[in-house]
C-alpha atoms as a PDB file:
ATOM      1  CA  MET A   1       9.024  16.472   0.845  1.00  0.00           C
ATOM      2  CA  LEU A   2       8.116  12.929   1.859  1.00  0.00           C
ATOM      3  CA  GLN A   3       7.087  14.177   5.371  1.00  0.00           C
ATOM      4  CA  VAL A   4       4.727  16.737   3.742  1.00  0.00           C
ATOM      5  CA  PHE A   5       3.016  13.969   1.655  1.00  0.00           C
ATOM      6  CA  VAL A   6       2.729  11.796   4.755  1.00  0.00           C
ATOM      7  CA  VAL A   7       1.034  14.554   6.786  1.00  0.00           C
ATOM      8  CA  ILE A   8      -1.353  15.294   3.913  1.00  0.00           C
ATOM      9  CA  HIS A   9      -2.046  11.675   3.506  1.00  0.00           C
ATOM     10  CA  ILE A  10      -2.912  11.220   7.146  1.00  0.00           C
ATOM     11  CA  LEU A  11      -5.220  14.234   7.056  1.00  0.00           C
ATOM     12  CA  ILE A  12      -7.040  12.844   3.966  1.00  0.00           C
ATOM     13  CA  THR A  13      -7.289   9.453   5.692  1.00  0.00           C
ATOM     14  CA  VAL A  14      -8.892  10.823   8.811  1.00  0.00           C
ATOM     15  CA  GLY A  15     -11.331  12.908   6.717  1.00  0.00           C
ATOM     16  CA  LEU A  16     -12.199   9.984   4.570  1.00  0.00           C
ATOM     17  CA  ILE A  17     -12.887   7.821   7.546  1.00  0.00           C
ATOM     18  CA  ALA A  18     -15.124  10.553   9.104  1.00  0.00           C
ATOM     19  CA  LEU A  19     -17.032  10.986   5.849  1.00  0.00           C
ATOM     20  CA  ILE A  20     -17.592   7.277   5.400  1.00  0.00           C
ATOM     21  CA  LEU A  21     -18.902   7.017   8.951  1.00  0.00           C
ATOM     22  CA  LEU A  22     -21.292   9.944   8.305  1.00  0.00           C
ATOM     23  CA  HIS A  23     -23.011   8.234   5.340  1.00  0.00           C
ATOM     24  CA  LYS A  24     -26.602   7.291   5.928  1.00  0.00           C
ATOM     25  CA  SER A  25     -27.253   3.534   6.169  1.00  0.00           C
ATOM     26  CA  GLU A  26     -29.852   2.419   3.615  1.00  0.00           C
ATOM     27  CA  GLY A  27     -31.114  -0.561   5.596  1.00  0.00           C
ATOM     28  CA  ASN A  28     -28.506  -2.948   4.250  1.00  0.00           C
ATOM     29  CA  ALA A  29     -25.864  -2.392   6.934  1.00  0.00           C
ATOM     30  CA  ALA A  30     -24.397  -5.067   9.154  1.00  0.00           C
ATOM     31  CA  GLY A  31     -24.717  -8.146   6.906  1.00  0.00           C
ATOM     32  CA  GLY A  32     -27.628  -6.928   4.847  1.00  0.00           C
ATOM     33  CA  GLY A  33     -25.766  -7.974   1.685  1.00  0.00           C
ATOM     34  CA  PHE A  34     -26.627 -11.668   2.483  1.00  0.00           C
ATOM     35  CA  SER A  35     -30.291 -11.178   2.644  1.00  0.00           C
ATOM     36  CA  VAL A  36     -33.071 -11.295  -0.042  1.00  0.00           C
ATOM     37  CA  SER A  37     -33.746  -7.586   0.414  1.00  0.00           C
ATOM     38  CA  ALA A  38     -30.246  -6.788  -0.811  1.00  0.00           C
ATOM     39  CA  THR A  39     -31.027  -7.940  -4.352  1.00  0.00           C
ATOM     40  CA  ALA A  40     -34.112  -5.697  -4.355  1.00  0.00           C
ATOM     41  CA  ALA A  41     -31.989  -2.770  -3.195  1.00  0.00           C
ATOM     42  CA  MET A  42     -29.509  -3.374  -6.029  1.00  0.00           C
ATOM     43  CA  MET A  43     -32.338  -3.161  -8.624  1.00  0.00           C
ATOM     44  CA  GLN A  44     -33.422   0.358  -7.508  1.00  0.00           C
ATOM     45  CA  PRO A  45     -32.346   3.309  -9.641  1.00  0.00           C
ATOM     46  CA  ARG A  46     -29.281   5.173  -8.484  1.00  0.00           C
ATOM     47  CA  SER A  47     -29.994   8.326  -6.460  1.00  0.00           C
ATOM     48  CA  ARG A  48     -28.427  11.675  -7.169  1.00  0.00           C
ATOM     49  CA  PRO A  49     -25.054  12.196  -5.472  1.00  0.00           C
ATOM     50  CA  ASN A  50     -25.306  14.459  -2.444  1.00  0.00           C
ATOM     51  CA  PRO A  51     -22.474  16.683  -1.298  1.00  0.00           C
ATOM     52  CA  LEU A  52     -21.389  14.095   1.284  1.00  0.00           C
ATOM     53  CA  SER A  53     -20.852  11.363  -1.341  1.00  0.00           C
ATOM     54  CA  ARG A  54     -19.225  13.821  -3.647  1.00  0.00           C
ATOM     55  CA  ALA A  55     -16.759  14.864  -0.937  1.00  0.00           C
ATOM     56  CA  THR A  56     -16.098  11.274  -0.161  1.00  0.00           C
ATOM     57  CA  GLY A  57     -15.231  10.604  -3.841  1.00  0.00           C
ATOM     58  CA  ILE A  58     -12.873  13.650  -3.957  1.00  0.00           C
ATOM     59  CA  LEU A  59     -11.077  12.564  -0.762  1.00  0.00           C
ATOM     60  CA  GLY A  60     -10.816   8.991  -2.190  1.00  0.00           C
ATOM     61  CA  ILE A  61      -9.130  10.333  -5.242  1.00  0.00           C
ATOM     62  CA  GLY A  62      -6.873  12.443  -3.010  1.00  0.00           C
ATOM     63  CA  PHE A  63      -6.042   9.391  -1.006  1.00  0.00           C
ATOM     64  CA  PHE A  64      -5.080   7.530  -4.142  1.00  0.00           C
ATOM     65  CA  VAL A  65      -2.947  10.414  -5.526  1.00  0.00           C
ATOM     66  CA  THR A  66      -1.043  10.851  -2.145  1.00  0.00           C
ATOM     67  CA  SER A  67      -0.473   7.068  -1.884  1.00  0.00           C
ATOM     68  CA  LEU A  68       1.173   7.128  -5.314  1.00  0.00           C
ATOM     69  CA  GLY A  69       3.187  10.223  -4.432  1.00  0.00           C
ATOM     70  CA  ILE A  70       4.437   8.623  -1.226  1.00  0.00           C
ATOM     71  CA  ALA A  71       5.359   5.406  -3.067  1.00  0.00           C
ATOM     72  CA  LEU A  72       7.279   7.302  -5.780  1.00  0.00           C
ATOM     73  CA  LEU A  73       9.115   9.503  -3.237  1.00  0.00           C
ATOM     74  CA  ALA A  74       9.983   6.623  -0.932  1.00  0.00           C
ATOM     75  CA  LYS A  75      11.437   4.708  -3.839  1.00  0.00           C
ATOM     76  CA  ASN A  76      14.272   7.242  -4.129  1.00  0.00           C
ATOM     77  CA  VAL A  77      15.034   7.217  -0.327  1.00  0.00           C
ATOM     78  CA  GLY A  78      16.269   3.594  -0.220  1.00  0.00           C
ATOM     79  CA  PRO A  79      15.651   0.770   2.095  1.00  0.00           C
ATOM     80  CA  PRO A  80      16.549   1.048   5.740  1.00  0.00           C
ATOM     81  CA  PRO A  81      19.739  -0.744   6.807  1.00  0.00           C
ATOM     82  CA  SER A  82      19.358  -4.285   7.945  1.00  0.00           C
ATOM     83  CA  LEU A  83      20.767  -5.679  11.161  1.00  0.00           C
ATOM     84  CA  LEU A  84      21.983  -8.693   9.200  1.00  0.00           C
ATOM     85  CA  ASP A  85      24.195  -6.539   6.915  1.00  0.00           C
ATOM     86  CA  THR A  86      26.552  -5.348   9.670  1.00  0.00           C
ATOM     87  CA  PRO A  87      29.205  -7.894  10.680  1.00  0.00           C
ATOM     88  CA  GLY A  88      29.302  -8.746  14.313  1.00  0.00           C
ATOM     89  CA  VAL A  89      32.384  -9.231  16.451  1.00  0.00           C
ATOM     90  CA  SER A  90      33.569 -12.840  16.106  1.00  0.00           C
ATOM     91  CA  SER A  91      34.843 -14.360  19.312  1.00  0.00           C
ATOM     92  CA  GLY A  92      36.092 -17.738  18.010  1.00  0.00           C
ATOM     93  CA  SER A  93      38.845 -19.113  15.934  1.00  0.00           C
ATOM     94  CA  ALA A  94      36.564 -20.159  13.117  1.00  0.00           C
ATOM     95  CA  PRO A  95      37.292 -18.192   9.886  1.00  0.00           C
ATOM     96  CA  ARG A  96      34.705 -15.911   8.386  1.00  0.00           C
ATOM     97  CA  VAL A  97      33.027 -16.988   5.176  1.00  0.00           C
ATOM     98  CA  ASP A  98      34.798 -14.376   3.098  1.00  0.00           C
ATOM     99  CA  GLU A  99      38.213 -15.537   4.408  1.00  0.00           C
ATOM    100  CA  ILE A 100      37.766 -19.152   3.281  1.00  0.00           C
ATOM    101  CA  ALA A 101      39.682 -19.897   0.079  1.00  0.00           C
ATOM    102  CA  THR A 102      37.554 -21.616  -2.460  1.00  0.00           C
ATOM    103  CA  PRO A 103      39.240 -23.760  -5.157  1.00  0.00           C
ATOM    104  CA  THR A 104      38.646 -22.607  -8.667  1.00  0.00           C
ATOM    105  CA  ALA A 105      38.619 -24.965 -11.613  1.00  0.00           C
ATOM    106  CA  GLU A 106      40.266 -23.230 -14.553  1.00  0.00           C
ATOM    107  CA  LYS A 107      39.812 -24.995 -17.868  1.00  0.00           C
ATOM    108  CA  SER A 108      41.375 -22.803 -20.432  1.00  0.00           C
ATOM    109  CA  ALA A 109      42.669 -23.769 -23.814  1.00  0.00           C
ATOM    110  CA  ALA A 110      45.678 -21.469 -23.740  1.00  0.00           C
ATOM    111  CA  PRO A 111      48.635 -22.594 -21.641  1.00  0.00           C
ATOM    112  CA  ALA A 112      49.524 -20.614 -18.599  1.00  0.00           C
ATOM    113  CA  PRO A 113      52.492 -18.205 -19.046  1.00  0.00           C
ATOM    114  CA  GLU A 114      55.615 -19.297 -17.314  1.00  0.00           C
ATOM    115  CA  THR A 115      56.831 -17.303 -14.351  1.00  0.00           C
ATOM    116  CA  SER A 116      60.164 -17.196 -12.546  1.00  0.00           C
ATOM    117  CA  THR A 117      58.609 -18.178  -9.232  1.00  0.00           C
ATOM    118  CA  PRO A 118      56.967 -21.594  -8.887  1.00  0.00           C
ATOM    119  CA  ALA A 119      53.235 -21.515  -8.136  1.00  0.00           C
ATOM    120  CA  ALA A 120      52.104 -22.548  -4.691  1.00  0.00           C
ATOM    121  CA  ALA A 121      50.488 -25.936  -4.600  1.00  0.00           C
ATOM    122  CA  PRO A 122      46.794 -26.014  -3.544  1.00  0.00           C
ATOM    123  CA  ALA A 123      46.165 -27.004  -0.042  1.00  0.00           C
ATOM    124  CA  VAL A 124      44.927 -30.602   0.164  1.00  0.00           C
ATOM    125  CA  PRO A 125      43.117 -31.719   3.326  1.00  0.00           C
ATOM    126  CA  VAL A 126      44.811 -34.417   5.171  1.00  0.00           C
ATOM    127  CA  VAL A 127      42.567 -37.305   5.965  1.00  0.00           C
ATOM    128  CA  PRO A 128      43.729 -39.404   8.980  1.00  0.00           C
ATOM    129  CA  THR A 129      43.935 -43.146   8.354  1.00  0.00           C
ATOM    130  CA  VAL A 130      42.316 -45.465  10.891  1.00  0.00           C
ATOM    131  CA  PRO A 131      44.257 -48.757  11.417  1.00  0.00           C
ATOM    132  CA  LYS A 132      42.069 -51.899  10.891  1.00  0.00           C
ATOM    133  CA  ASN A 133      42.139 -54.562  13.583  1.00  0.00           C
END
């Protein structure tokens, strides 16, 4: 369904570009908006829409509708997989991030239940001492 919307969208886009290029220039093209004559042109009454401008408006509405349709359909497809999501082969002796044990600070008001096996002591890093001279 998404491919059908994309093909229709591309056809509307090409037609819209062609119709816009076929419009007659009214003397204000290529930087005419920065001249004094541009203000005089804006004060003129609006001319009747011809079939070319009406077709451009219809294709513009079609472009807007197909853009919304593609956006809504692509939302359900999901994002493409990222290269960063897949783990690579590790070739060293360093542990992966998910293998490193993180100490947790438990501050609970209730005492821990007694078990028959003693709890393992947390690993404390050994800091070497340097003799002073």
